[in-house]
C-alpha atoms as a PDB file:
ATOM      1  CA  MET A   1       9.045 -11.983  14.429  1.00  0.00           C
ATOM      2  CA  SER A   2       9.626 -12.534  10.722  1.00  0.00           C
ATOM      3  CA  GLU A   3      11.326 -15.607   9.317  1.00  0.00           C
ATOM      4  CA  PHE A   4      12.100 -13.718   6.094  1.00  0.00           C
ATOM      5  CA  GLN A   5      15.542 -12.350   5.193  1.00  0.00           C
ATOM      6  CA  THR A   6      14.673  -9.112   3.393  1.00  0.00           C
ATOM      7  CA  VAL A   7      11.368  -8.256   5.086  1.00  0.00           C
ATOM      8  CA  LEU A   8      10.312  -8.120   8.728  1.00  0.00           C
ATOM      9  CA  PHE A   9       6.773  -9.363   9.352  1.00  0.00           C
ATOM     10  CA  GLU A  10       5.220  -8.892  12.778  1.00  0.00           C
ATOM     11  CA  VAL A  11       1.642  -9.199  13.986  1.00  0.00           C
ATOM     12  CA  GLU A  12       0.423  -7.627  17.212  1.00  0.00           C
ATOM     13  CA  ASN A  13      -3.108  -6.783  18.316  1.00  0.00           C
ATOM     14  CA  ARG A  14      -4.549  -7.565  14.863  1.00  0.00           C
ATOM     15  CA  VAL A  15      -2.068  -5.240  13.111  1.00  0.00           C
ATOM     16  CA  ALA A  16       0.564  -6.637  10.746  1.00  0.00           C
ATOM     17  CA  THR A  17       3.689  -4.504  10.328  1.00  0.00           C
ATOM     18  CA  ILE A  18       5.682  -5.148   7.171  1.00  0.00           C
ATOM     19  CA  THR A  19       9.154  -3.585   7.201  1.00  0.00           C
ATOM     20  CA  LEU A  20      11.306  -3.612   4.079  1.00  0.00           C
ATOM     21  CA  ASN A  21      14.632  -4.695   5.536  1.00  0.00           C
ATOM     22  CA  ARG A  22      17.676  -4.142   3.345  1.00  0.00           C
ATOM     23  CA  PRO A  23      18.842  -0.907   4.989  1.00  0.00           C
ATOM     24  CA  GLU A  24      22.390  -1.293   3.642  1.00  0.00           C
ATOM     25  CA  ARG A  25      20.836  -0.977   0.134  1.00  0.00           C
ATOM     26  CA  LYS A  26      18.230   1.618   1.113  1.00  0.00           C
ATOM     27  CA  ASN A  27      15.695  -1.218   1.010  1.00  0.00           C
ATOM     28  CA  ALA A  28      16.110  -1.616  -2.753  1.00  0.00           C
ATOM     29  CA  MET A  29      13.874  -4.296  -4.214  1.00  0.00           C
ATOM     30  CA  ASN A  30      15.594  -7.456  -5.435  1.00  0.00           C
ATOM     31  CA  GLN A  31      13.934 -10.704  -6.480  1.00  0.00           C
ATOM     32  CA  GLN A  32      14.069 -12.150  -2.971  1.00  0.00           C
ATOM     33  CA  MET A  33      12.367  -9.104  -1.483  1.00  0.00           C
ATOM     34  CA  LYS A  34       9.703  -9.224  -4.194  1.00  0.00           C
ATOM     35  CA  ASP A  35       8.975 -12.863  -3.376  1.00  0.00           C
ATOM     36  CA  GLU A  36       8.957 -12.325   0.385  1.00  0.00           C
ATOM     37  CA  LEU A  37       6.846  -9.177   0.167  1.00  0.00           C
ATOM     38  CA  ARG A  38       4.324 -11.005  -2.006  1.00  0.00           C
ATOM     39  CA  GLU A  39       4.080 -13.711   0.655  1.00  0.00           C
ATOM     40  CA  CYS A  40       3.545 -11.064   3.346  1.00  0.00           C
ATOM     41  CA  TRP A  41       0.579  -9.563   1.510  1.00  0.00           C
ATOM     42  CA  ARG A  42      -0.896 -13.015   0.994  1.00  0.00           C
ATOM     43  CA  ARG A  43      -0.685 -13.623   4.723  1.00  0.00           C
ATOM     44  CA  VAL A  44      -2.333 -10.291   5.473  1.00  0.00           C
ATOM     45  CA  LYS A  45      -5.143 -11.208   3.115  1.00  0.00           C
ATOM     46  CA  ALA A  46      -5.661 -14.733   4.406  1.00  0.00           C
ATOM     47  CA  ASP A  47      -5.086 -14.465   8.170  1.00  0.00           C
ATOM     48  CA  PRO A  48      -8.395 -13.857  10.012  1.00  0.00           C
ATOM     49  CA  ASP A  49      -6.469 -12.434  12.969  1.00  0.00           C
ATOM     50  CA  ILE A  50      -5.023  -9.595  10.869  1.00  0.00           C
ATOM     51  CA  TRP A  51      -7.371  -6.680  10.341  1.00  0.00           C
ATOM     52  CA  VAL A  52      -4.981  -3.857   9.349  1.00  0.00           C
ATOM     53  CA  ALA A  53      -1.477  -3.671   7.832  1.00  0.00           C
ATOM     54  CA  ILE A  54       1.299  -1.080   8.074  1.00  0.00           C
ATOM     55  CA  VAL A  55       4.171  -1.029   5.567  1.00  0.00           C
ATOM     56  CA  THR A  56       7.386   0.919   6.217  1.00  0.00           C
ATOM     57  CA  GLY A  57      11.149   0.732   5.692  1.00  0.00           C
ATOM     58  CA  ALA A  58      14.116  -0.056   7.935  1.00  0.00           C
ATOM     59  CA  GLY A  59      16.806   2.571   8.496  1.00  0.00           C
ATOM     60  CA  ASP A  60      16.631   5.947   6.781  1.00  0.00           C
ATOM     61  CA  ALA A  61      14.826   4.855   3.594  1.00  0.00           C
ATOM     62  CA  PHE A  62      11.390   3.533   2.712  1.00  0.00           C
ATOM     63  CA  SER A  63      12.726   2.005  -0.513  1.00  0.00           C
ATOM     64  CA  SER A  64      14.977   3.273  -3.285  1.00  0.00           C
ATOM     65  CA  GLY A  65      13.037   1.169  -5.793  1.00  0.00           C
ATOM     66  CA  ALA A  66      14.299  -1.752  -7.842  1.00  0.00           C
ATOM     67  CA  ASP A  67      17.868  -2.791  -7.080  1.00  0.00           C
ATOM     68  CA  VAL A  68      19.771  -1.408 -10.081  1.00  0.00           C
ATOM     69  CA  GLU A  69      22.515  -4.020  -9.686  1.00  0.00           C
ATOM     70  CA  SER A  70      19.871  -6.747 -10.023  1.00  0.00           C
ATOM     71  CA  LEU A  71      18.499  -5.025 -13.118  1.00  0.00           C
ATOM     72  CA  ALA A  72      21.969  -4.816 -14.653  1.00  0.00           C
ATOM     73  CA  THR A  73      22.947  -8.409 -13.881  1.00  0.00           C
ATOM     74  CA  GLY A  74      19.669 -10.167 -14.646  1.00  0.00           C
ATOM     75  CA  GLY A  75      18.877 -10.804 -10.999  1.00  0.00           C
ATOM     76  CA  PHE A  76      15.130 -10.462 -11.505  1.00  0.00           C
ATOM     77  CA  VAL A  77      13.040 -13.377 -12.726  1.00  0.00           C
ATOM     78  CA  LYS A  78      11.263 -12.487 -15.945  1.00  0.00           C
ATOM     79  CA  PRO A  79       8.022 -14.111 -17.133  1.00  0.00           C
ATOM     80  CA  ASP A  80       8.118 -15.882 -20.464  1.00  0.00           C
ATOM     81  CA  ARG A  81       8.160 -13.575 -23.474  1.00  0.00           C
ATOM     82  CA  TRP A  82       4.531 -13.974 -24.541  1.00  0.00           C
ATOM     83  CA  ARG A  83       3.216 -13.243 -21.066  1.00  0.00           C
ATOM     84  CA  GLU A  84       5.613 -10.333 -20.751  1.00  0.00           C
ATOM     85  CA  LEU A  85       4.398  -8.836 -24.016  1.00  0.00           C
ATOM     86  CA  ALA A  86       0.804  -9.348 -22.948  1.00  0.00           C
ATOM     87  CA  MET A  87       1.579  -7.486 -19.698  1.00  0.00           C
ATOM     88  CA  ILE A  88      -0.269 -10.145 -17.711  1.00  0.00           C
ATOM     89  CA  GLU A  89       1.936 -12.066 -15.332  1.00  0.00           C
ATOM     90  CA  GLY A  90       4.465  -9.317 -14.689  1.00  0.00           C
ATOM     91  CA  ILE A  91       1.778  -6.855 -13.642  1.00  0.00           C
ATOM     92  CA  VAL A  92      -0.669  -9.089 -11.776  1.00  0.00           C
ATOM     93  CA  GLU A  93       2.079 -10.681  -9.704  1.00  0.00           C
ATOM     94  CA  LEU A  94       3.648  -7.442  -8.500  1.00  0.00           C
ATOM     95  CA  PRO A  95       4.030  -7.646  -4.700  1.00  0.00           C
ATOM     96  CA  THR A  96       1.618  -4.823  -3.910  1.00  0.00           C
ATOM     97  CA  PRO A  97      -1.657  -4.912  -1.977  1.00  0.00           C
ATOM     98  CA  ARG A  98      -4.093  -4.044  -4.751  1.00  0.00           C
ATOM     99  CA  ARG A  99      -2.477  -6.373  -7.294  1.00  0.00           C
ATOM    100  CA  LEU A 100      -2.892  -9.167  -4.747  1.00  0.00           C
ATOM    101  CA  ARG A 101      -6.425  -7.947  -3.929  1.00  0.00           C
ATOM    102  CA  VAL A 102      -5.807  -7.295  -0.257  1.00  0.00           C
ATOM    103  CA  HIS A 103      -9.179  -6.170   1.043  1.00  0.00           C
ATOM    104  CA  LYS A 104      -7.907  -5.069   4.459  1.00  0.00           C
ATOM    105  CA  PRO A 105      -6.798  -1.474   5.122  1.00  0.00           C
ATOM    106  CA  VAL A 106      -3.160  -0.655   4.414  1.00  0.00           C
ATOM    107  CA  ILE A 107      -1.262   2.229   6.003  1.00  0.00           C
ATOM    108  CA  ALA A 108       2.036   3.293   4.411  1.00  0.00           C
ATOM    109  CA  ALA A 109       4.434   4.917   6.906  1.00  0.00           C
ATOM    110  CA  VAL A 110       6.964   6.579   4.612  1.00  0.00           C
ATOM    111  CA  ASN A 111      10.155   7.181   6.572  1.00  0.00           C
ATOM    112  CA  GLY A 112      12.546   8.291   3.817  1.00  0.00           C
ATOM    113  CA  VAL A 113      13.170   8.086   0.084  1.00  0.00           C
ATOM    114  CA  VAL A 114      10.544   6.434  -2.123  1.00  0.00           C
ATOM    115  CA  ALA A 115      11.722   5.823  -5.670  1.00  0.00           C
ATOM    116  CA  GLY A 116      10.508   4.002  -8.746  1.00  0.00           C
ATOM    117  CA  PHE A 117       8.955   0.616  -8.057  1.00  0.00           C
ATOM    118  CA  SER A 118       8.235   1.404  -4.399  1.00  0.00           C
ATOM    119  CA  LEU A 119       5.943   4.284  -5.371  1.00  0.00           C
ATOM    120  CA  ASP A 120       3.285   1.586  -5.888  1.00  0.00           C
ATOM    121  CA  LEU A 121       3.360   0.818  -2.166  1.00  0.00           C
ATOM    122  CA  VAL A 122       2.394   4.447  -1.516  1.00  0.00           C
ATOM    123  CA  THR A 123      -0.203   4.913  -4.256  1.00  0.00           C
ATOM    124  CA  GLU A 124      -1.823   1.573  -3.368  1.00  0.00           C
ATOM    125  CA  ALA A 125      -1.926   2.298   0.360  1.00  0.00           C
ATOM    126  CA  ASP A 126      -5.302   3.356   1.713  1.00  0.00           C
ATOM    127  CA  ILE A 127      -3.819   5.816   4.208  1.00  0.00           C
ATOM    128  CA  PRO A 128      -0.285   6.905   3.258  1.00  0.00           C
ATOM    129  CA  ILE A 129       1.493   9.160   5.763  1.00  0.00           C
ATOM    130  CA  ALA A 130       5.067  10.431   5.692  1.00  0.00           C
ATOM    131  CA  SER A 131       7.890  11.653   7.849  1.00  0.00           C
ATOM    132  CA  GLU A 132       9.012  15.221   7.231  1.00  0.00           C
ATOM    133  CA  ARG A 133      12.247  13.648   5.917  1.00  0.00           C
ATOM    134  CA  ALA A 134      10.512  11.646   3.189  1.00  0.00           C
ATOM    135  CA  TYR A 135      10.833  12.467  -0.489  1.00  0.00           C
ATOM    136  CA  PHE A 136       9.597  10.882  -3.713  1.00  0.00           C
ATOM    137  CA  LEU A 137      11.051  10.425  -7.206  1.00  0.00           C
ATOM    138  CA  ASP A 138      10.738   8.248 -10.275  1.00  0.00           C
ATOM    139  CA  PRO A 139      14.140   7.670 -11.922  1.00  0.00           C
ATOM    140  CA  HIS A 140      12.995   5.244 -14.643  1.00  0.00           C
ATOM    141  CA  VAL A 141      13.680   7.446 -17.676  1.00  0.00           C
ATOM    142  CA  SER A 142      17.066   8.426 -16.264  1.00  0.00           C
ATOM    143  CA  ILE A 143      18.286   4.818 -16.468  1.00  0.00           C
ATOM    144  CA  GLY A 144      16.611   3.926 -19.753  1.00  0.00           C
ATOM    145  CA  TYR A 145      13.349   2.390 -18.529  1.00  0.00           C
ATOM    146  CA  VAL A 146       9.741   3.268 -19.277  1.00  0.00           C
ATOM    147  CA  SER A 147       7.850   4.244 -16.151  1.00  0.00           C
ATOM    148  CA  SER A 148       4.821   2.011 -16.521  1.00  0.00           C
ATOM    149  CA  HIS A 149       2.607   0.779 -13.686  1.00  0.00           C
ATOM    150  CA  GLU A 150       4.147   3.253 -11.211  1.00  0.00           C
ATOM    151  CA  MET A 151       2.993   6.326 -13.110  1.00  0.00           C
ATOM    152  CA  VAL A 152      -0.287   4.761 -14.203  1.00  0.00           C
ATOM    153  CA  ASN A 153      -1.100   4.434 -10.503  1.00  0.00           C
ATOM    154  CA  MET A 154       0.336   7.851  -9.718  1.00  0.00           C
ATOM    155  CA  ALA A 155      -1.875   9.515 -12.321  1.00  0.00           C
ATOM    156  CA  ARG A 156      -4.892   8.252 -10.394  1.00  0.00           C
ATOM    157  CA  ARG A 157      -3.665   9.694  -7.102  1.00  0.00           C
ATOM    158  CA  VAL A 158      -2.292  13.131  -8.052  1.00  0.00           C
ATOM    159  CA  PRO A 159      -3.061  15.708 -10.782  1.00  0.00           C
ATOM    160  CA  LEU A 160      -1.881  14.565 -14.203  1.00  0.00           C
ATOM    161  CA  ALA A 161       0.545  17.468 -14.643  1.00  0.00           C
ATOM    162  CA  VAL A 162       2.232  16.580 -11.349  1.00  0.00           C
ATOM    163  CA  CYS A 163       2.545  12.959 -12.456  1.00  0.00           C
ATOM    164  CA  LEU A 164       4.000  13.887 -15.855  1.00  0.00           C
ATOM    165  CA  ARG A 165       6.505  16.272 -14.315  1.00  0.00           C
ATOM    166  CA  MET A 166       7.813  13.572 -11.969  1.00  0.00           C
ATOM    167  CA  ALA A 167       7.867  10.914 -14.700  1.00  0.00           C
ATOM    168  CA  LEU A 168       9.571  12.960 -17.401  1.00  0.00           C
ATOM    169  CA  LEU A 169      12.168  14.695 -15.230  1.00  0.00           C
ATOM    170  CA  GLY A 170      13.246  11.364 -13.771  1.00  0.00           C
ATOM    171  CA  SER A 171      15.964  11.501 -11.136  1.00  0.00           C
ATOM    172  CA  ARG A 172      16.216  15.300 -11.589  1.00  0.00           C
ATOM    173  CA  GLU A 173      12.927  15.841  -9.755  1.00  0.00           C
ATOM    174  CA  ARG A 174      12.453  15.164  -6.047  1.00  0.00           C
ATOM    175  CA  MET A 175       9.093  15.777  -4.412  1.00  0.00           C
ATOM    176  CA  ALA A 176       9.351  16.735  -0.750  1.00  0.00           C
ATOM    177  CA  ALA A 177       6.920  15.384   1.838  1.00  0.00           C
ATOM    178  CA  GLN A 178       5.049  18.669   2.184  1.00  0.00           C
ATOM    179  CA  ARG A 179       4.567  18.912  -1.577  1.00  0.00           C
ATOM    180  CA  ALA A 180       3.397  15.284  -1.645  1.00  0.00           C
ATOM    181  CA  TYR A 181       0.778  16.218   0.943  1.00  0.00           C
ATOM    182  CA  GLU A 182      -0.314  19.284  -1.033  1.00  0.00           C
ATOM    183  CA  VAL A 183      -0.913  17.280  -4.235  1.00  0.00           C
ATOM    184  CA  GLY A 184      -2.667  14.399  -2.458  1.00  0.00           C
ATOM    185  CA  LEU A 185      -0.018  11.677  -2.715  1.00  0.00           C
ATOM    186  CA  ILE A 186       0.032  11.328   1.073  1.00  0.00           C
ATOM    187  CA  THR A 187      -2.554  12.288   3.691  1.00  0.00           C
ATOM    188  CA  GLU A 188      -0.367  13.601   6.520  1.00  0.00           C
ATOM    189  CA  VAL A 189       3.185  14.780   7.284  1.00  0.00           C
ATOM    190  CA  VAL A 190       4.471  14.128  10.800  1.00  0.00           C
ATOM    191  CA  PRO A 191       7.745  14.683  12.681  1.00  0.00           C
ATOM    192  CA  HIS A 192      10.142  11.853  11.898  1.00  0.00           C
ATOM    193  CA  ASP A 193      10.122  10.347  15.398  1.00  0.00           C
ATOM    194  CA  ARG A 194       6.307  10.383  15.428  1.00  0.00           C
ATOM    195  CA  LEU A 195       5.867   8.420  12.195  1.00  0.00           C
ATOM    196  CA  MET A 196       5.382   4.890  13.526  1.00  0.00           C
ATOM    197  CA  PRO A 197       3.464   5.956  16.656  1.00  0.00           C
ATOM    198  CA  ARG A 198       1.106   7.903  14.383  1.00  0.00           C
ATOM    199  CA  ALA A 199       0.727   4.920  12.020  1.00  0.00           C
ATOM    200  CA  ARG A 200      -0.223   2.745  14.977  1.00  0.00           C
ATOM    201  CA  GLU A 201      -2.685   5.376  16.218  1.00  0.00           C
ATOM    202  CA  LEU A 202      -4.386   5.322  12.824  1.00  0.00           C
ATOM    203  CA  ALA A 203      -4.437   1.525  12.887  1.00  0.00           C
ATOM    204  CA  GLU A 204      -6.105   1.605  16.306  1.00  0.00           C
ATOM    205  CA  MET A 205      -8.732   4.017  14.992  1.00  0.00           C
ATOM    206  CA  ILE A 206      -9.500   1.619  12.153  1.00  0.00           C
ATOM    207  CA  LEU A 207      -9.687  -1.295  14.593  1.00  0.00           C
ATOM    208  CA  SER A 208     -12.348   0.557  16.590  1.00  0.00           C
ATOM    209  CA  ASN A 209     -14.665   0.234  13.582  1.00  0.00           C
ATOM    210  CA  ALA A 210     -16.502  -2.861  12.363  1.00  0.00           C
ATOM    211  CA  PRO A 211     -13.899  -4.810  10.333  1.00  0.00           C
ATOM    212  CA  LEU A 212     -16.253  -6.303   7.750  1.00  0.00           C
ATOM    213  CA  ALA A 213     -17.811  -2.896   7.192  1.00  0.00           C
ATOM    214  CA  VAL A 214     -14.341  -1.363   6.818  1.00  0.00           C
ATOM    215  CA  TRP A 215     -13.233  -4.016   4.336  1.00  0.00           C
ATOM    216  CA  GLY A 216     -16.472  -3.802   2.362  1.00  0.00           C
ATOM    217  CA  THR A 217     -16.248  -0.011   2.252  1.00  0.00           C
ATOM    218  CA  LYS A 218     -12.677  -0.132   0.943  1.00  0.00           C
ATOM    219  CA  MET A 219     -13.571  -2.573  -1.806  1.00  0.00           C
ATOM    220  CA  ALA A 220     -16.771  -0.735  -2.722  1.00  0.00           C
ATOM    221  CA  ILE A 221     -14.799   2.469  -3.272  1.00  0.00           C
ATOM    222  CA  LEU A 222     -11.930   0.870  -5.187  1.00  0.00           C
ATOM    223  CA  GLN A 223     -14.063  -1.402  -7.376  1.00  0.00           C
ATOM    224  CA  GLY A 224     -16.174   1.551  -8.436  1.00  0.00           C
ATOM    225  CA  ILE A 225     -13.331   3.827  -9.529  1.00  0.00           C
ATOM    226  CA  GLY A 226     -13.664   4.704 -13.204  1.00  0.00           C
ATOM    227  CA  LEU A 227     -17.197   3.379 -13.509  1.00  0.00           C
ATOM    228  CA  PRO A 228     -20.333   5.470 -14.071  1.00  0.00           C
ATOM    229  CA  ILE A 229     -21.921   6.389 -10.743  1.00  0.00           C
ATOM    230  CA  PRO A 230     -24.965   4.072 -11.106  1.00  0.00           C
ATOM    231  CA  GLN A 231     -22.701   1.059 -11.686  1.00  0.00           C
ATOM    232  CA  ALA A 232     -20.381   2.053  -8.862  1.00  0.00           C
ATOM    233  CA  GLU A 233     -23.363   2.386  -6.534  1.00  0.00           C
ATOM    234  CA  GLU A 234     -24.558  -1.088  -7.511  1.00  0.00           C
ATOM    235  CA  ILE A 235     -21.185  -2.541  -6.540  1.00  0.00           C
ATOM    236  CA  ALA A 236     -21.268  -0.699  -3.215  1.00  0.00           C
ATOM    237  CA  ALA A 237     -24.816  -1.937  -2.583  1.00  0.00           C
ATOM    238  CA  GLY A 238     -23.604  -5.498  -3.135  1.00  0.00           C
ATOM    239  CA  TYR A 239     -20.952  -5.134  -0.429  1.00  0.00           C
ATOM    240  CA  LEU A 240     -23.538  -3.553   1.885  1.00  0.00           C
ATOM    241  CA  GLU A 241     -25.902  -6.466   1.358  1.00  0.00           C
ATOM    242  CA  ILE A 242     -23.172  -8.974   2.215  1.00  0.00           C
ATOM    243  CA  VAL A 243     -22.124  -7.171   5.393  1.00  0.00           C
ATOM    244  CA  GLU A 244     -25.756  -6.831   6.483  1.00  0.00           C
ATOM    245  CA  GLN A 245     -25.817 -10.611   6.919  1.00  0.00           C
ATOM    246  CA  SER A 246     -23.001 -10.519   9.504  1.00  0.00           C
ATOM    247  CA  GLU A 247     -23.073 -10.705  13.303  1.00  0.00           C
ATOM    248  CA  ASP A 248     -21.110  -7.457  13.460  1.00  0.00           C
ATOM    249  CA  HIS A 249     -23.888  -5.670  11.593  1.00  0.00           C
ATOM    250  CA  GLN A 250     -26.249  -6.571  14.445  1.00  0.00           C
ATOM    251  CA  GLU A 251     -23.663  -5.798  17.128  1.00  0.00           C
ATOM    252  CA  GLY A 252     -23.170  -2.165  16.087  1.00  0.00           C
ATOM    253  CA  PRO A 253     -26.722  -0.877  16.712  1.00  0.00           C
ATOM    254  CA  ARG A 254     -27.065  -3.125  19.786  1.00  0.00           C
ATOM    255  CA  ALA A 255     -23.936  -1.659  21.387  1.00  0.00           C
ATOM    256  CA  PHE A 256     -25.122   1.872  20.587  1.00  0.00           C
ATOM    257  CA  VAL A 257     -28.471   1.296  22.299  1.00  0.00           C
ATOM    258  CA  GLU A 258     -26.785  -0.335  25.291  1.00  0.00           C
ATOM    259  CA  LYS A 259     -24.271   2.535  25.541  1.00  0.00           C
ATOM    260  CA  ARG A 260     -21.187   0.314  25.381  1.00  0.00           C
ATOM    261  CA  LYS A 261     -18.304  -0.303  23.062  1.00  0.00           C
ATOM    262  CA  PRO A 262     -19.088  -2.842  20.358  1.00  0.00           C
ATOM    263  CA  VAL A 263     -17.283  -6.171  20.387  1.00  0.00           C
ATOM    264  CA  TRP A 264     -16.353  -6.862  16.783  1.00  0.00           C
ATOM    265  CA  LYS A 265     -15.749 -10.442  15.624  1.00  0.00           C
ATOM    266  CA  ALA A 266     -15.267 -10.018  11.861  1.00  0.00           C
ATOM    267  CA  ARG A 267     -18.099 -12.425  11.223  1.00  0.00           C
END
């Protein structure tokens, strides 16, 4: 069980479950949650006994985004002005899996509202799924903020016109789960009471595959986005070459020939 105050962190059968846990505030992100969530992703990345992660929210919300009270009262820690203007520290240190270069698969189980800042946890998930009760919005412009990294990420997940509509209409636009599925923001809509069981089923499917091959495949795809195909293929070939040196690479064909399930060791 987690020792954190705003996040639950549990590991079972090689799956880490990260639960945003401020249900009384619809899991709004304050500075403490940012710090604790960042530590959770670092643990996922570093722990050899964690092969997959699931992120979800407690109660009836995934996350309503940044805690507006913290924004209004200066409750968030800001980087120094030069770094802020350079958009270095504030972006790199966001508590999201890709910013922290988590190479292991991430499943987002979206159980309710996703707003603003927390959209990154959906667009950066490798397999985002949602309850039929989930909905998505970006209220930045409605409270006087520029929607920055959230919509930059969104524009790489959904059609540009869909992204612009959400960004410019602000809190006046809510995208339902089914619409999110239709535009490619999420990969599946499930009945609300099936959300976490389905997330765990997907995690188990991932665990049945060779972990190093899974991690290398994820990174090969992501590192190649935006590059010309020949360069992207070179990056993918580099990950393939590394994984080919592993014990698991030998175990896969051996298990197939011997007609048994492979025993993966992540080495």
